Protein backbone atom coordinates (compact mmCIF):
# COMPACT_ATOMS: atom_id res chain seq x y z
CA MET A 1 -4.41 -2.98 30.15
CA GLU A 2 -8.02 -1.74 30.25
CA LEU A 3 -7.49 -0.52 33.84
CA SER A 4 -4.12 1.17 33.25
CA ILE A 5 -5.79 4.55 33.22
CA PHE A 6 -2.86 6.42 34.79
CA ALA A 7 -0.08 4.97 32.62
CA GLU A 8 1.57 7.30 30.14
CA PRO A 9 2.23 6.14 26.57
CA SER A 10 5.82 5.32 25.69
CA ASN A 11 7.83 7.90 23.78
CA GLN A 12 9.75 7.16 20.60
CA VAL A 13 13.20 8.70 21.00
CA ALA A 14 15.50 6.32 19.10
CA VAL A 15 14.83 7.87 15.67
CA GLU A 16 15.20 11.62 15.23
CA LYS A 17 14.19 11.91 11.60
CA THR A 18 13.23 9.85 8.55
CA TYR A 19 13.44 11.35 5.10
CA PHE A 20 13.69 10.53 1.40
CA THR A 21 16.71 11.28 -0.76
CA GLU A 22 17.16 10.52 -4.46
CA ALA A 23 19.85 8.37 -6.05
CA ARG A 24 20.03 8.69 -9.83
CA PRO A 25 21.76 6.29 -12.24
CA ILE A 26 25.47 6.81 -12.84
CA SER A 27 25.16 5.11 -16.25
CA SER A 28 23.01 5.66 -19.32
CA ILE A 29 19.39 4.51 -19.21
CA GLU A 30 18.83 4.61 -22.96
CA SER A 31 20.19 1.26 -24.13
CA GLU A 32 18.66 -2.16 -23.48
CA ASP A 33 22.11 -3.72 -23.73
CA THR A 34 23.86 -1.94 -20.86
CA PRO A 35 22.84 -2.21 -17.19
CA ILE A 36 21.54 0.71 -15.17
CA GLU A 37 23.91 1.39 -12.28
CA ILE A 38 22.83 3.11 -9.07
CA VAL A 39 24.94 3.89 -6.01
CA VAL A 40 23.57 4.72 -2.56
CA PRO A 41 26.44 5.97 -0.34
CA GLY A 42 26.42 4.79 3.24
CA ALA A 43 28.76 7.47 4.60
CA GLY A 44 27.59 9.56 7.53
CA ALA A 45 25.55 8.76 10.60
CA GLU A 46 22.27 7.92 8.85
CA TYR A 47 20.97 4.38 8.51
CA ILE A 48 19.04 3.18 5.45
CA ASP A 49 15.54 1.70 5.45
CA LEU A 50 15.76 -0.62 2.43
CA ARG A 51 12.25 -1.97 2.95
CA ARG A 52 10.68 1.44 2.35
CA SER A 53 13.07 2.60 -0.38
CA ARG A 54 11.67 2.26 -3.88
CA LEU A 55 12.29 2.71 -7.60
CA TYR A 56 10.56 5.27 -9.83
CA VAL A 57 10.52 4.87 -13.62
CA LYS A 58 9.03 7.05 -16.35
CA ALA A 59 8.81 5.34 -19.75
CA LYS A 60 6.94 4.88 -23.02
CA ILE A 61 6.65 2.23 -25.73
CA THR A 62 7.88 3.18 -29.20
CA LYS A 63 8.70 1.43 -32.43
CA SER A 64 12.22 0.02 -32.58
CA ASP A 65 13.38 3.04 -34.61
CA GLY A 66 12.21 5.40 -31.83
CA THR A 67 9.12 6.75 -33.58
CA ASN A 68 5.79 6.83 -31.79
CA LEU A 69 3.17 4.10 -32.15
CA ALA A 70 0.34 4.55 -34.61
CA ASN A 71 -3.18 5.08 -33.33
CA GLY A 72 -4.65 1.71 -32.37
CA GLU A 73 -1.41 -0.23 -32.90
CA SER A 74 -1.77 -3.50 -31.02
CA VAL A 75 1.14 -3.69 -28.60
CA GLY A 76 0.90 -3.90 -24.83
CA ILE A 77 3.13 -4.53 -21.87
CA ILE A 78 3.21 -7.68 -19.73
CA ASN A 79 2.16 -7.66 -16.10
CA LEU A 80 4.18 -6.05 -13.32
CA PRO A 81 6.37 -4.08 -15.76
CA LEU A 82 8.37 -2.25 -13.06
CA GLN A 83 9.88 -5.63 -12.17
CA SER A 84 9.54 -7.37 -15.55
CA MET A 85 11.65 -4.79 -17.38
CA PHE A 86 14.71 -6.13 -15.55
CA SER A 87 15.99 -9.62 -16.33
CA GLN A 88 18.54 -9.50 -13.52
CA ILE A 89 19.37 -7.25 -10.56
CA ASP A 90 22.76 -7.48 -8.88
CA VAL A 91 22.97 -5.90 -5.43
CA TYR A 92 26.25 -5.26 -3.61
CA LEU A 93 26.77 -4.15 -0.02
CA ASN A 94 30.29 -2.74 0.27
CA ASN A 95 31.28 -4.66 -2.88
CA LYS A 96 29.87 -7.95 -1.53
CA LEU A 97 27.32 -9.53 -3.86
CA VAL A 98 24.16 -10.30 -1.85
CA SER A 99 21.89 -11.34 -4.74
CA PHE A 100 21.87 -14.14 -7.30
CA ASN A 101 23.40 -13.07 -10.61
CA THR A 102 20.97 -15.04 -12.77
CA ASN A 103 18.50 -13.72 -15.33
CA ASN A 104 15.39 -15.13 -13.59
CA TYR A 105 14.41 -11.96 -11.75
CA PRO A 106 11.04 -11.41 -13.52
CA TRP A 107 9.64 -14.74 -12.29
CA LYS A 108 11.07 -14.21 -8.83
CA ALA A 109 9.27 -10.87 -8.58
CA TYR A 110 6.04 -12.08 -10.20
CA MET A 111 5.73 -15.27 -8.16
CA LYS A 112 6.47 -13.45 -4.90
CA THR A 113 3.84 -10.86 -5.85
CA VAL A 114 0.95 -13.19 -6.74
CA LEU A 115 1.74 -15.76 -4.02
CA PHE A 116 2.34 -13.53 -1.02
CA SER A 117 0.21 -10.45 -1.72
CA GLY A 118 -3.53 -10.34 -1.17
CA GLN A 119 -6.34 -8.94 -3.28
CA ASN A 120 -6.40 -5.61 -1.42
CA GLU A 121 -2.75 -4.91 -2.22
CA LEU A 122 -2.91 -6.15 -5.80
CA THR A 123 -6.01 -4.11 -6.65
CA SER A 124 -4.68 -0.89 -5.13
CA GLN A 125 -1.00 -0.38 -4.23
CA LYS A 126 0.41 -2.67 -6.93
CA GLN A 127 -1.35 -0.65 -9.62
CA ALA A 128 1.43 1.89 -9.07
CA GLU A 129 3.60 -0.77 -10.75
CA LEU A 130 0.91 -1.26 -13.43
CA TYR A 131 -0.13 -4.60 -12.02
CA TYR A 132 -3.50 -5.58 -13.46
CA LYS A 133 -4.39 -9.21 -13.05
CA ASP A 134 -4.24 -11.25 -16.24
CA SER A 135 -7.56 -13.05 -16.59
CA GLY A 136 -9.62 -14.67 -19.31
CA ASN A 137 -7.44 -15.85 -22.18
CA LEU A 138 -3.93 -15.21 -20.83
CA ALA A 139 -2.40 -16.29 -24.14
CA ASP A 140 -4.24 -13.64 -26.17
CA ALA A 141 -1.71 -11.08 -27.47
CA LYS A 142 -4.39 -8.61 -28.65
CA SER A 143 -4.01 -5.56 -26.47
CA VAL A 144 -6.96 -3.80 -28.17
CA SER A 145 -10.20 -5.49 -27.03
CA GLY A 146 -8.47 -8.83 -26.58
CA GLY A 147 -9.32 -11.76 -24.33
CA ASN A 148 -6.82 -10.93 -21.57
CA SER A 149 -8.45 -8.22 -19.48
CA GLY A 150 -5.21 -7.35 -17.69
CA LEU A 151 -3.34 -6.71 -20.94
CA VAL A 152 -6.21 -4.56 -22.20
CA MET A 153 -6.22 -2.46 -19.01
CA ARG A 154 -2.47 -1.88 -19.16
CA TYR A 155 -2.79 -0.94 -22.83
CA ALA A 156 -4.90 2.06 -21.83
CA TYR A 157 -1.81 3.53 -20.13
CA THR A 158 0.72 2.71 -22.86
CA LYS A 159 -1.16 3.05 -26.16
CA ASN A 160 -0.07 5.57 -28.80
CA SER A 161 3.31 5.92 -27.01
CA ARG A 162 1.77 7.55 -23.98
CA ILE A 163 4.21 8.34 -21.19
CA PHE A 164 3.49 6.30 -18.07
CA GLU A 165 4.94 6.16 -14.56
CA LEU A 166 5.81 3.24 -12.30
CA GLU A 167 6.90 3.17 -8.68
CA GLY A 168 7.45 0.39 -6.18
CA ASN A 169 9.88 -1.65 -4.12
CA LEU A 170 12.49 -3.77 -5.84
CA MET A 171 12.03 -7.44 -4.98
CA GLU A 172 15.54 -8.71 -4.50
CA ASP A 173 15.72 -10.31 -1.07
CA VAL A 174 17.93 -7.69 0.59
CA PHE A 175 15.27 -5.03 -0.04
CA ALA A 176 12.92 -6.88 2.32
CA LEU A 177 15.09 -6.42 5.41
CA ASP A 178 12.89 -5.38 8.34
CA LYS A 179 15.82 -3.74 10.17
CA TYR A 180 17.62 -0.53 9.26
CA LEU A 181 20.89 -1.02 7.37
CA ILE A 182 23.68 0.27 9.61
CA ASN A 183 25.70 3.31 8.51
CA GLY A 184 28.96 2.89 6.64
CA VAL A 185 27.55 0.42 4.10
CA ASP A 186 27.35 1.47 0.45
CA VAL A 187 24.58 -0.03 -1.68
CA TYR A 188 25.44 -0.57 -5.33
CA MET A 189 23.01 -2.12 -7.80
CA LYS A 190 23.12 -3.08 -11.47
CA LEU A 191 19.79 -3.48 -13.23
CA PHE A 192 19.96 -5.48 -16.46
CA ARG A 193 17.18 -4.83 -18.99
CA SER A 194 14.81 -7.48 -20.35
CA SER A 195 14.43 -7.80 -24.10
CA SER A 196 11.52 -6.11 -25.87
CA THR A 197 10.24 -9.46 -27.12
CA PHE A 198 9.91 -10.55 -23.49
CA ILE A 199 8.32 -7.50 -21.91
CA MET A 200 5.80 -6.73 -24.66
CA MET A 201 2.97 -8.60 -26.36
CA SER A 202 1.67 -7.79 -29.80
CA SER A 203 -0.70 -9.23 -32.39
CA GLU A 204 0.73 -7.14 -35.22
CA SER A 205 2.06 -9.05 -38.25
CA SER A 206 5.63 -7.70 -37.95
CA PRO A 207 6.11 -6.42 -34.40
CA SER A 208 9.28 -4.52 -33.55
CA TYR A 209 9.22 -2.28 -30.49
CA LYS A 210 11.25 -1.02 -27.57
CA LEU A 211 10.63 0.33 -24.10
CA LYS A 212 12.17 3.79 -23.88
CA LEU A 213 13.11 4.87 -20.36
CA LEU A 214 12.76 8.60 -19.78
CA ASP A 215 13.68 8.82 -16.10
CA VAL A 216 14.87 6.48 -13.35
CA ILE A 217 15.14 7.44 -9.67
CA TYR A 218 15.84 5.29 -6.65
CA LYS A 219 14.11 6.93 -3.69
CA VAL A 220 16.17 6.10 -0.61
CA VAL A 221 14.75 6.30 2.91
CA LYS A 222 17.43 7.61 5.27
CA VAL A 223 17.04 7.34 9.05
CA ARG A 224 18.74 9.76 11.47
CA VAL A 225 19.28 7.86 14.70
CA ASP A 226 19.60 9.32 18.21
CA PRO A 227 23.31 9.86 19.11
CA GLY A 228 22.91 7.68 22.19
CA VAL A 229 21.67 4.75 20.12
CA LEU A 230 24.44 5.36 17.60
CA LEU A 231 27.03 5.23 20.39
CA GLN A 232 25.54 2.05 21.81
CA HIS A 233 25.60 0.36 18.39
CA SER A 234 29.20 1.42 17.81
CA LYS A 235 30.19 -0.21 21.11
CA GLN A 236 28.22 -3.42 20.48
CA ILE A 237 29.60 -3.93 16.99
CA GLU A 238 33.11 -4.00 18.41
CA THR A 239 32.42 -7.41 19.90
CA THR A 240 29.57 -8.83 17.83
CA PRO A 241 28.41 -8.18 14.23
CA ALA A 242 25.06 -6.68 13.33
CA LYS A 243 22.71 -9.50 12.30
CA TYR A 244 19.99 -9.34 9.68
CA PRO A 245 17.81 -12.45 9.18
CA ILE A 246 16.88 -12.74 5.53
CA THR A 247 14.83 -15.13 3.43
CA ARG A 248 16.84 -15.98 0.34
CA ASN A 249 14.65 -16.77 -2.66
CA GLU A 250 16.16 -18.58 -5.62
CA VAL A 251 14.56 -19.32 -9.00
CA LYS A 252 15.69 -22.31 -11.03
CA MET A 253 14.47 -23.64 -14.37
CA ASN A 254 14.55 -26.95 -16.19
CA THR A 255 13.04 -28.11 -19.47
CA ILE A 256 10.37 -30.68 -20.28
CA PRO A 257 11.13 -31.70 -23.89
CA LYS A 258 8.44 -31.83 -26.55
CA SER A 259 6.37 -35.06 -26.66
CA SER A 260 6.97 -35.84 -22.98
CA THR A 261 4.51 -37.30 -20.46
CA GLU A 262 6.94 -37.54 -17.53
CA PHE A 263 9.59 -35.33 -16.01
CA TYR A 264 12.18 -36.00 -13.31
CA TRP A 265 14.49 -33.47 -11.67
CA ASP A 266 17.07 -34.94 -9.30
CA ASN A 267 19.15 -33.05 -6.76
CA MET A 268 17.46 -29.73 -7.50
CA PHE A 269 19.35 -27.83 -4.81
CA PRO A 270 22.57 -29.67 -3.97
CA GLN A 271 23.72 -27.02 -1.47
CA ALA A 272 20.75 -27.45 0.91
CA ILE A 273 17.13 -28.47 1.28
CA PRO A 274 14.79 -25.47 0.83
CA ASP A 275 12.31 -24.38 3.48
CA ARG A 276 9.61 -23.82 0.91
CA LEU A 277 9.26 -24.59 -2.78
CA VAL A 278 6.74 -23.46 -5.41
CA VAL A 279 6.53 -25.07 -8.86
CA GLY A 280 4.96 -23.71 -12.07
CA MET A 281 5.21 -24.36 -15.81
CA VAL A 282 5.43 -21.94 -18.75
CA LYS A 283 5.99 -22.49 -22.46
CA GLN A 284 9.66 -22.20 -23.29
CA LYS A 285 9.15 -19.75 -26.16
CA ALA A 286 7.40 -17.37 -23.74
CA VAL A 287 10.29 -17.65 -21.29
CA ASN A 288 12.79 -16.87 -24.03
CA GLY A 289 10.76 -13.88 -25.24
CA ASP A 290 8.06 -13.90 -27.90
CA TYR A 291 5.68 -11.08 -28.82
CA THR A 292 2.76 -13.52 -29.07
CA SER A 293 3.33 -15.32 -25.75
CA ASN A 294 2.74 -14.44 -22.11
CA PRO A 295 5.71 -15.38 -19.87
CA TYR A 296 3.41 -15.32 -16.83
CA ASN A 297 0.87 -17.82 -18.19
CA PHE A 298 1.43 -20.71 -15.78
CA GLU A 299 -0.52 -23.49 -17.50
CA HIS A 300 -1.39 -26.94 -16.12
CA PHE A 301 -0.27 -28.88 -19.24
CA ASN A 302 -2.61 -31.73 -18.24
CA ILE A 303 -0.57 -32.63 -15.18
CA THR A 304 -2.04 -35.52 -13.18
CA ASN A 305 0.61 -36.16 -10.53
CA ILE A 306 3.32 -34.14 -8.81
CA ALA A 307 5.64 -35.44 -6.12
CA LEU A 308 8.42 -33.76 -4.17
CA SER A 309 10.71 -36.00 -2.18
CA VAL A 310 13.63 -35.34 0.16
CA ASN A 311 16.05 -38.23 0.53
CA GLY A 312 13.43 -40.56 -0.91
CA GLU A 313 10.58 -39.47 1.38
CA SER A 314 7.58 -37.68 -0.12
CA VAL A 315 7.05 -34.26 1.52
CA PRO A 316 5.06 -32.81 3.13
CA GLY A 317 2.77 -35.80 2.50
CA ARG A 318 1.69 -38.14 -0.26
CA PRO A 319 2.05 -36.97 -3.90
CA LEU A 320 -0.65 -34.69 -5.23
CA GLN A 321 -3.04 -36.15 -7.81
CA MET A 322 -5.34 -34.02 -9.92
CA ASP A 323 -7.51 -33.85 -13.02
CA PHE A 324 -7.72 -30.56 -14.91
CA GLY A 325 -10.48 -31.87 -17.18
CA ASP A 326 -14.16 -30.99 -16.96
CA ASN A 327 -14.39 -32.06 -13.31
CA LYS A 328 -11.52 -29.78 -12.23
CA LEU A 329 -10.33 -32.07 -9.46
CA TYR A 330 -7.41 -30.13 -7.99
CA ILE A 331 -8.63 -28.78 -4.65
CA PRO A 332 -5.93 -30.43 -2.45
CA ALA A 333 -3.26 -28.66 -4.53
CA TYR A 334 -5.24 -25.41 -4.35
CA VAL A 335 -5.57 -25.62 -0.55
CA ARG A 336 -1.88 -26.52 -0.22
CA LEU A 337 -1.04 -23.25 -1.99
CA PHE A 338 -2.80 -21.18 0.69
CA GLU A 339 -1.27 -23.22 3.49
CA THR A 340 2.29 -22.94 2.20
CA CYS A 341 1.91 -19.21 1.57
CA GLY A 342 0.77 -18.62 5.15
CA LYS A 343 -2.84 -17.73 4.30
CA TRP A 344 -4.78 -20.81 5.39
CA ASN A 345 -7.15 -20.54 8.39
CA LYS A 346 -6.70 -16.78 8.44
CA ASP A 347 -8.78 -13.84 7.31
CA ALA A 348 -6.39 -13.49 4.38
CA GLY A 349 -6.16 -14.78 0.88
CA LEU A 350 -4.55 -14.77 -2.53
CA TYR A 351 -5.85 -13.07 -5.65
CA ILE A 352 -6.16 -16.55 -7.20
CA ARG A 353 -9.71 -17.85 -7.39
CA ARG A 354 -10.63 -21.51 -7.64
CA ASP A 355 -11.10 -21.32 -11.41
CA ASP A 356 -7.90 -19.27 -11.83
CA PHE A 357 -5.87 -22.20 -10.50
CA GLY A 358 -6.50 -24.09 -13.73
CA ASN A 359 -6.22 -21.05 -15.98
CA GLY A 360 -2.81 -19.40 -15.86
CA TYR A 361 -2.19 -19.65 -12.10
CA THR A 362 -1.29 -23.32 -11.68
CA PHE A 363 1.23 -23.30 -8.84
CA PHE A 364 2.15 -26.26 -6.67
CA ALA A 365 3.52 -25.36 -3.25
CA PHE A 366 5.45 -27.43 -0.72
CA ASP A 367 6.36 -26.51 2.87
CA ILE A 368 9.38 -28.61 3.84
CA THR A 369 10.16 -27.05 7.23
CA PRO A 370 9.73 -28.97 10.51
CA CYS A 371 7.18 -26.49 11.93
CA PHE A 372 5.81 -24.50 8.98
CA PHE A 373 7.60 -21.76 7.12
CA ASP A 374 5.99 -18.66 8.63
CA SER A 375 7.27 -19.35 12.17
CA ASP A 376 9.62 -16.90 13.90
CA TYR A 377 12.58 -19.27 13.89
CA ILE A 378 15.49 -19.67 11.47
CA ASN A 379 15.64 -23.28 10.36
CA LEU A 380 18.87 -25.22 10.48
CA ILE A 381 20.61 -25.98 7.20
CA ARG A 382 19.73 -29.48 6.05
CA ARG A 383 21.50 -31.41 3.31
CA GLY A 384 19.98 -34.00 1.03
CA ASN A 385 18.56 -34.87 -2.38
CA THR A 386 15.48 -32.86 -3.33
CA ARG A 387 13.70 -34.58 -6.23
CA LEU A 388 10.71 -33.47 -8.30
CA GLU A 389 8.51 -35.80 -10.36
CA LEU A 390 5.73 -34.78 -12.76
CA LYS A 391 3.31 -36.92 -14.78
CA LEU A 392 1.10 -35.60 -17.59
CA SER A 393 -1.99 -37.19 -19.12
CA ALA A 394 -1.05 -35.94 -22.61
CA ALA A 395 2.30 -35.45 -24.28
CA THR A 396 3.60 -31.90 -24.47
CA THR A 397 3.22 -30.33 -27.91
CA GLU A 398 6.21 -28.05 -27.41
CA ALA A 399 9.08 -27.52 -24.96
CA VAL A 400 7.96 -26.39 -21.50
CA ASN A 401 10.01 -24.74 -18.75
CA VAL A 402 9.53 -25.90 -15.17
CA ILE A 403 10.05 -22.84 -12.96
CA VAL A 404 10.81 -23.34 -9.27
CA LEU A 405 10.90 -20.67 -6.56
CA ALA A 406 12.73 -21.95 -3.48
CA SER A 407 13.13 -20.17 -0.13
CA PHE A 408 16.00 -20.61 2.34
CA SER A 409 16.57 -19.17 5.81
CA SER A 410 19.73 -17.05 5.71
CA LEU A 411 21.60 -14.40 7.66
CA LEU A 412 23.52 -11.23 6.81
CA GLU A 413 26.25 -10.12 9.21
CA ILE A 414 28.10 -6.78 9.23
CA ASN A 415 31.14 -6.35 11.46
CA LYS A 416 32.88 -3.26 12.85
CA SER A 417 34.95 -2.88 9.65
CA ARG A 418 31.69 -3.01 7.68
CA ASP A 419 32.69 -6.29 6.04
CA ILE A 420 29.68 -8.30 4.86
CA ASN A 421 29.25 -11.98 5.69
CA TYR A 422 26.33 -13.62 3.90
CA VAL A 423 25.56 -16.85 5.76
CA GLN A 424 23.49 -18.84 3.30
CA PRO A 425 22.88 -22.48 2.42
């Protein structure tokens, strides 16, 4: 290559033009109780770049009666509010549902953000979504000079009912496609709002607030393709469908009852064995929505042992043992997190320091694939019993939710009639 001094650089001729267009909601954005509906037509010759398309929101926090906040009123917004404000996002391609219609979207978005983004992204780009890392006392609901530095920093943008803006990619799996969506496919999405008790934290004696949306725009990236490429695609799709590899991420929850020291979860995913699995624990009242609780405070709850087994065999090795006491003996679990997230032995990292792992960022990760998750292959569907076991050194003082993010290799197919086939475990 160094001696190819007479070679000419290749020309890009497949794409004629890339541009943004705006899709506005076809439903009201004022009520928390009705979903926001957005339609992106697929008619015409243009393709759609879903990976670069993004959502813009303008909003402010008010009292529940719509009046502005008083000066210094202690109410702030939880982390990653562009994603957290939606409890569920349903995405349809030509009326085919390609997302999970469950209300676990906030944890899906948050866990994907903190586990697969590095410090550079989280301290720069993600601030457009008002991401400021929760640190210190993550349970502190005081947004004015409180112990959670992230909550305090976000408060500076939302205090006194200031209008603030958010913009970023939606984190449903289909929006991560690295190939252009072929023409003739309509994208329809329904965004269901989270409750105010979930998305806000307050130390006031009688908190009652709401997030008022002032504007919502989905900024769609359209791609005008060269007519020759368009003709070639139209011929190929006559005999074989367009194929889009996709990683399907699913969030499931289960409950550890109060006064428990052990927890067992059998047959977690009966349809298939995941490729990768990440486990965390959050107080149930925070999950349900409580002004005084942080739904993203993943505590350790004095866990001493965690084991994941597939068909009776511990994977990917022996169970993890740890001590979150004064000695902070949890490094194998901490290292496993980097390895499973594809960061280990690379000049890359997570925005989770060693001390953070025991303070609000306690995640246990398991790579169950034959040759590591971040390879270029799609793994075959495997069936079996996936079982999780937890042991705690002290009984839980209240109900705790076990939150699991599982990843599966999947495939989207679109045929000549633009019918969608979602091949998934």
